[in-house]
Amino acid sequence: MHNDAAEEMNPYDEWRLPTHRLGRRVLLYHKVDSTNTRAAVLAGEPANDGLVLLADEQTAGRGQHGRIWTCAPGAGVLMSVLLFPAPQLRRPVILAAWAATSVCETIRHVTGLQARIKWPNDVLVRGRKVCGILIEQRTGSSGQWSVAGGQQGLADDRSLVPDFGTTDHRSLTPDFTVAGIGLNVFQTTESLAEAGLPQAGSLAFFTGGPLNRREVARQLIVELDEAYERLCQGDLASLEACWRWRTGLLGQHVLIECQDGNHRGRLRELSWDALILEQAKGEPLCLRPEMVKHVTRLSGK
């Protein structure tokens, strides 16, 4: 077998972390096509619930809206978490909030800086994007694979993900979620500019001391696990409050981009149930999070 093919097939290390649910098994790969794709292939076994995959390099990493996720080998944390959430936790707005707030807490722990969530699932430090999150789900007996990242759960069917084999096999695979996280750690201004990402950043931008990428990954797994455990115990309110604060949007004048058009006004309420927009004229507008593609804060308003 070619060395590259072997690298993509076999993990070179495995961690066993003392966590509640996530990361009790962590598979580390030198190179894969996509950690999300690899996690989805492993979803046929429910015992893999909570499995985490890490890769030093991806050859076909994915971002929102079908974009390519670019990261130089060894420069970031490339992670996917395989989950079989209870029905009440399957809403992409909840899962995106869970992943994004966990990244923010990891950044605070590692750098001492407060990060912000850009709707729906990017993480910014001092205005620079340092992390992207892609939530992908398989739901229903048809085995439909949908992307719930950029449009908060509006199905965006893709044929780019796993071939589960025969139709019978697909029907036996339970509903699952894969949360993909790409966190920039070591990228430089020059390397990001060369990649066509001049507005992006990395944790190294904001730290004077050295960083350990593996320790950043471990801390992220711990944060994800603790937050997910609280969700499984029924405490959704704590995560929702943290998510709301980290967006920094409540009470601000915003532009909301939806499937049916754009809306401007002051964001009066923000929750997983609804966004309520106070418009200059007319009644307040109530929007379900699943309808919202982007929310942009309008400065000087």
Protein backbone atom coordinates (compact mmCIF):
# COMPACT_ATOMS: atom_id res chain seq x y z
CA MET A 1 0.00 0.00 0.00
CA HIS A 2 1.25 3.51 -0.85
CA ASN A 3 2.47 5.40 2.21
CA ASP A 4 -0.01 8.26 1.70
CA ALA A 5 -2.90 5.79 1.45
CA ALA A 6 -1.77 4.08 4.63
CA GLU A 7 -1.61 7.42 6.44
CA GLU A 8 -5.20 8.18 5.48
CA MET A 9 -6.46 4.76 6.54
CA ASN A 10 -4.78 4.21 9.87
CA PRO A 11 -4.47 6.42 12.93
CA TYR A 12 -0.94 6.76 14.23
CA ASP A 13 -2.02 7.30 17.84
CA GLU A 14 -5.03 6.98 20.10
CA TRP A 15 -5.89 8.93 23.23
CA ARG A 16 -8.15 7.71 25.99
CA LEU A 17 -9.25 10.78 27.93
CA PRO A 18 -11.05 10.68 31.31
CA THR A 19 -14.09 12.57 30.02
CA HIS A 20 -17.84 12.14 30.50
CA ARG A 21 -18.96 11.32 26.95
CA LEU A 22 -16.72 12.86 24.28
CA GLY A 23 -13.10 11.99 23.73
CA ARG A 24 -12.94 8.76 25.64
CA ARG A 25 -11.48 7.63 22.31
CA VAL A 26 -9.53 10.07 20.16
CA LEU A 27 -8.03 8.86 16.87
CA LEU A 28 -5.06 10.83 15.55
CA TYR A 29 -4.19 10.78 11.84
CA HIS A 30 -1.25 12.25 9.98
CA LYS A 31 -3.38 12.96 6.90
CA VAL A 32 -7.01 12.39 5.88
CA ASP A 33 -9.25 13.65 3.13
CA SER A 34 -11.67 15.15 5.68
CA THR A 35 -12.14 14.40 9.35
CA ASN A 36 -15.90 14.90 8.90
CA THR A 37 -15.99 12.34 6.12
CA ARG A 38 -13.95 9.86 8.12
CA ALA A 39 -16.18 10.33 11.20
CA ALA A 40 -19.31 9.75 9.12
CA VAL A 41 -17.90 6.49 7.81
CA LEU A 42 -17.50 5.33 11.42
CA ALA A 43 -21.10 6.23 12.29
CA GLY A 44 -22.41 2.77 11.44
CA GLU A 45 -21.37 1.65 14.91
CA PRO A 46 -23.34 3.41 17.70
CA ALA A 47 -20.56 2.50 20.14
CA ASN A 48 -18.55 5.24 18.41
CA ASP A 49 -20.77 7.88 20.02
CA GLY A 50 -18.43 10.58 21.31
CA LEU A 51 -15.52 9.49 19.11
CA VAL A 52 -13.14 12.34 18.25
CA LEU A 53 -10.89 12.44 15.18
CA LEU A 54 -7.86 14.70 14.86
CA ALA A 55 -5.70 15.16 11.78
CA ASP A 56 -2.41 16.94 11.20
CA GLU A 57 -3.48 17.58 7.61
CA GLN A 58 -6.60 17.41 5.44
CA THR A 59 -6.54 17.09 1.68
CA ALA A 60 -10.25 17.87 1.17
CA GLY A 61 -11.35 19.83 4.22
CA ARG A 62 -14.77 21.45 3.97
CA GLY A 63 -16.17 24.76 5.16
CA GLN A 64 -19.56 26.43 4.92
CA HIS A 65 -21.47 26.64 1.63
CA GLY A 66 -19.23 24.07 -0.03
CA ARG A 67 -16.07 26.11 0.46
CA ILE A 68 -12.69 24.47 0.95
CA TRP A 69 -11.17 24.70 4.44
CA THR A 70 -7.49 25.55 4.02
CA CYS A 71 -4.93 24.80 6.71
CA ALA A 72 -1.23 24.10 6.31
CA PRO A 73 -0.06 20.77 7.77
CA GLY A 74 0.40 21.02 11.53
CA ALA A 75 -0.81 24.63 11.69
CA GLY A 76 -4.20 24.11 13.31
CA VAL A 77 -6.52 21.84 15.21
CA LEU A 78 -8.53 19.84 12.65
CA MET A 79 -11.17 17.96 14.58
CA SER A 80 -14.45 16.13 14.12
CA VAL A 81 -16.73 14.79 16.83
CA LEU A 82 -19.20 11.99 16.09
CA LEU A 83 -22.44 12.24 18.06
CA PHE A 84 -25.77 10.48 18.33
CA PRO A 85 -27.68 13.27 20.09
CA ALA A 86 -31.07 12.88 21.73
CA PRO A 87 -33.86 14.37 19.59
CA GLN A 88 -34.09 17.56 21.67
CA LEU A 89 -30.39 18.27 21.03
CA ARG A 90 -30.35 17.73 17.27
CA ARG A 91 -31.25 21.29 16.31
CA PRO A 92 -28.28 22.76 14.45
CA VAL A 93 -28.63 26.10 16.26
CA ILE A 94 -27.98 24.28 19.55
CA LEU A 95 -25.13 22.19 18.20
CA ALA A 96 -23.44 25.16 16.53
CA ALA A 97 -23.75 27.15 19.76
CA TRP A 98 -22.30 24.25 21.74
CA ALA A 99 -19.28 23.94 19.45
CA ALA A 100 -18.66 27.68 19.12
CA THR A 101 -18.89 28.46 22.83
CA SER A 102 -16.56 25.55 23.58
CA VAL A 103 -14.02 27.00 21.16
CA CYS A 104 -14.39 30.41 22.83
CA GLU A 105 -13.76 28.90 26.27
CA THR A 106 -10.72 27.07 24.92
CA ILE A 107 -9.31 30.30 23.51
CA ARG A 108 -9.90 32.05 26.85
CA HIS A 109 -8.12 29.25 28.68
CA VAL A 110 -5.15 29.15 26.28
CA THR A 111 -4.66 32.86 25.51
CA GLY A 112 -6.62 34.75 28.16
CA LEU A 113 -8.58 36.51 25.41
CA GLN A 114 -12.33 36.70 24.96
CA ALA A 115 -13.54 35.47 21.60
CA ARG A 116 -16.79 36.35 19.85
CA ILE A 117 -19.20 34.22 17.87
CA LYS A 118 -20.12 35.46 14.42
CA TRP A 119 -23.49 34.06 13.38
CA PRO A 120 -23.93 31.28 12.80
CA ASN A 121 -20.73 29.45 13.67
CA ASP A 122 -17.50 31.34 13.14
CA VAL A 123 -15.28 32.40 16.04
CA LEU A 124 -13.43 35.72 15.98
CA VAL A 125 -10.65 37.18 18.09
CA ARG A 126 -10.22 40.94 17.76
CA GLY A 127 -12.20 40.84 14.54
CA ARG A 128 -10.18 38.07 12.90
CA LYS A 129 -11.68 34.68 12.14
CA VAL A 130 -9.70 32.00 13.93
CA CYS A 131 -12.17 29.12 13.76
CA GLY A 132 -14.85 27.71 11.52
CA ILE A 133 -17.43 25.09 12.44
CA LEU A 134 -19.39 22.78 10.16
CA ILE A 135 -22.30 20.73 11.53
CA GLU A 136 -23.33 17.85 9.27
CA GLN A 137 -26.16 15.43 9.99
CA ARG A 138 -27.77 12.26 8.74
CA THR A 139 -31.45 12.14 9.54
CA GLY A 140 -34.41 10.07 8.47
CA SER A 141 -34.78 6.55 7.16
CA SER A 142 -33.75 7.71 3.68
CA GLY A 143 -30.19 8.18 4.91
CA GLN A 144 -30.14 11.80 3.70
CA TRP A 145 -26.91 13.57 4.55
CA SER A 146 -27.36 17.29 5.09
CA VAL A 147 -25.12 20.21 5.90
CA ALA A 148 -26.32 22.39 8.73
CA GLY A 149 -23.52 24.87 8.93
CA GLY A 150 -24.09 28.07 6.99
CA GLN A 151 -27.87 28.10 7.07
CA GLN A 152 -28.55 26.66 10.48
CA GLY A 153 -30.07 23.40 9.44
CA LEU A 154 -31.64 24.08 6.08
CA ALA A 155 -30.77 20.89 4.23
CA ASP A 156 -28.09 21.32 1.60
CA ASP A 157 -27.82 17.84 0.13
CA ARG A 158 -24.38 16.82 -0.96
CA SER A 159 -23.00 13.76 -2.61
CA LEU A 160 -19.50 14.58 -1.38
CA VAL A 161 -19.81 12.64 1.83
CA PRO A 162 -19.81 9.06 2.83
CA ASP A 163 -20.76 6.16 0.77
CA PHE A 164 -22.47 3.94 3.33
CA GLY A 165 -22.69 1.03 0.92
CA THR A 166 -26.01 -0.61 0.14
CA THR A 167 -29.41 0.92 0.78
CA ASP A 168 -30.09 -1.70 3.44
CA HIS A 169 -26.94 -0.73 5.29
CA ARG A 170 -27.86 2.94 5.17
CA SER A 171 -31.27 2.23 6.64
CA LEU A 172 -29.61 0.52 9.61
CA THR A 173 -27.33 3.47 10.36
CA PRO A 174 -28.89 5.56 13.15
CA ASP A 175 -29.28 9.32 12.89
CA PHE A 176 -26.01 11.00 13.72
CA THR A 177 -24.23 14.33 13.78
CA VAL A 178 -20.65 15.20 12.94
CA ALA A 179 -19.30 18.47 14.32
CA GLY A 180 -16.27 19.61 12.39
CA ILE A 181 -14.00 22.26 13.92
CA GLY A 182 -11.03 23.98 12.31
CA LEU A 183 -9.10 26.15 14.78
CA ASN A 184 -6.12 28.14 13.52
CA VAL A 185 -3.15 27.88 15.89
CA PHE A 186 0.18 28.63 14.19
CA GLN A 187 -0.67 30.44 10.95
CA THR A 188 1.21 33.67 10.27
CA THR A 189 -0.02 36.84 8.61
CA GLU A 190 2.02 35.96 5.54
CA SER A 191 0.77 32.40 5.24
CA LEU A 192 -2.87 33.47 5.57
CA ALA A 193 -2.40 36.21 2.98
CA GLU A 194 -0.84 33.68 0.60
CA ALA A 195 -3.88 31.44 1.15
CA GLY A 196 -6.18 34.31 0.21
CA LEU A 197 -7.36 34.79 3.81
CA PRO A 198 -6.00 38.23 4.81
CA GLN A 199 -8.81 38.82 7.33
CA ALA A 200 -8.25 35.54 9.16
CA GLY A 201 -6.09 35.04 12.22
CA SER A 202 -4.63 32.39 14.47
CA LEU A 203 -4.01 31.97 18.18
CA ALA A 204 -0.31 32.66 17.55
CA PHE A 205 -1.28 36.19 16.48
CA PHE A 206 -2.34 37.02 20.02
CA THR A 207 0.10 35.12 22.25
CA GLY A 208 3.61 36.07 23.15
CA GLY A 209 4.59 32.61 24.33
CA PRO A 210 4.73 29.23 22.63
CA LEU A 211 1.64 27.12 21.99
CA ASN A 212 1.26 23.37 22.04
CA ARG A 213 -1.22 22.28 19.37
CA ARG A 214 -1.94 18.97 21.07
CA GLU A 215 -2.67 20.69 24.37
CA VAL A 216 -5.01 23.11 22.60
CA ALA A 217 -6.80 20.10 21.09
CA ARG A 218 -7.06 18.37 24.48
CA GLN A 219 -8.44 21.51 26.10
CA LEU A 220 -11.02 21.85 23.33
CA ILE A 221 -12.15 18.25 23.80
CA VAL A 222 -12.54 18.87 27.54
CA GLU A 223 -14.61 22.02 26.93
CA LEU A 224 -16.78 20.24 24.36
CA ASP A 225 -17.32 17.31 26.69
CA GLU A 226 -18.25 19.38 29.74
CA ALA A 227 -20.68 21.54 27.76
CA TYR A 228 -22.25 18.50 26.07
CA GLU A 229 -22.64 16.76 29.42
CA ARG A 230 -24.59 19.76 30.74
CA LEU A 231 -26.82 19.63 27.66
CA CYS A 232 -27.46 15.92 28.16
CA GLN A 233 -28.37 16.62 31.77
CA GLY A 234 -31.03 19.08 30.56
CA ASP A 235 -29.21 22.35 31.24
CA LEU A 236 -29.72 24.15 27.96
CA ALA A 237 -30.18 27.57 29.59
CA SER A 238 -26.53 27.99 30.62
CA LEU A 239 -25.25 27.35 27.11
CA GLU A 240 -27.90 29.57 25.55
CA ALA A 241 -26.94 32.45 27.87
CA CYS A 242 -23.23 32.03 27.10
CA TRP A 243 -23.93 31.85 23.37
CA ARG A 244 -26.11 34.97 23.51
CA TRP A 245 -23.39 36.92 25.32
CA ARG A 246 -20.64 35.73 22.98
CA THR A 247 -22.54 36.90 19.87
CA GLY A 248 -22.63 40.47 21.20
CA LEU A 249 -25.76 41.15 19.14
CA LEU A 250 -28.53 41.67 21.67
CA GLY A 251 -29.77 45.26 21.65
CA GLN A 252 -27.67 46.14 18.61
CA HIS A 253 -28.76 47.44 15.25
CA VAL A 254 -28.25 44.59 12.84
CA LEU A 255 -28.73 43.34 9.31
CA ILE A 256 -30.33 39.90 9.23
CA GLU A 257 -29.97 37.90 6.01
CA CYS A 258 -32.70 35.30 5.51
CA GLN A 259 -33.81 33.00 2.75
CA ASP A 260 -36.60 35.42 1.84
CA GLY A 261 -34.56 38.64 1.98
CA ASN A 262 -32.80 41.02 4.34
CA HIS A 263 -34.14 42.80 7.41
CA ARG A 264 -32.76 45.72 9.42
CA GLY A 265 -33.52 46.90 12.91
CA ARG A 266 -32.60 46.60 16.57
CA LEU A 267 -32.33 43.06 17.86
CA ARG A 268 -34.67 43.05 20.84
CA GLU A 269 -34.56 39.35 21.70
CA LEU A 270 -32.15 36.57 20.83
CA SER A 271 -32.79 32.96 21.76
CA TRP A 272 -32.89 29.50 20.25
CA ASP A 273 -36.64 30.00 19.86
CA ALA A 274 -36.59 33.27 17.97
CA LEU A 275 -34.85 36.46 16.95
CA ILE A 276 -37.14 39.44 17.47
CA LEU A 277 -36.23 42.46 15.41
CA GLU A 278 -37.56 45.94 16.24
CA GLN A 279 -38.00 47.64 12.88
CA ALA A 280 -38.17 51.36 12.14
CA LYS A 281 -41.69 50.93 10.83
CA GLY A 282 -44.24 48.25 11.46
CA GLU A 283 -44.60 45.46 13.99
CA PRO A 284 -41.60 43.64 15.48
CA LEU A 285 -40.40 40.85 13.22
CA CYS A 286 -40.07 37.36 14.70
CA LEU A 287 -37.64 34.99 12.96
CA ARG A 288 -36.82 31.38 13.69
CA PRO A 289 -33.05 30.77 13.90
CA GLU A 290 -33.34 28.16 11.13
CA MET A 291 -34.47 30.94 8.79
CA VAL A 292 -31.40 33.09 9.41
CA LYS A 293 -28.25 32.82 7.30
CA HIS A 294 -26.20 35.70 8.70
CA VAL A 295 -26.51 38.45 11.29
CA THR A 296 -24.25 41.47 10.90
CA ARG A 297 -23.87 44.23 13.47
CA LEU A 298 -24.30 47.68 11.92
CA SER A 299 -21.81 50.12 13.46
CA GLY A 300 -22.72 53.72 14.15
CA LYS A 301 -26.45 53.03 14.39
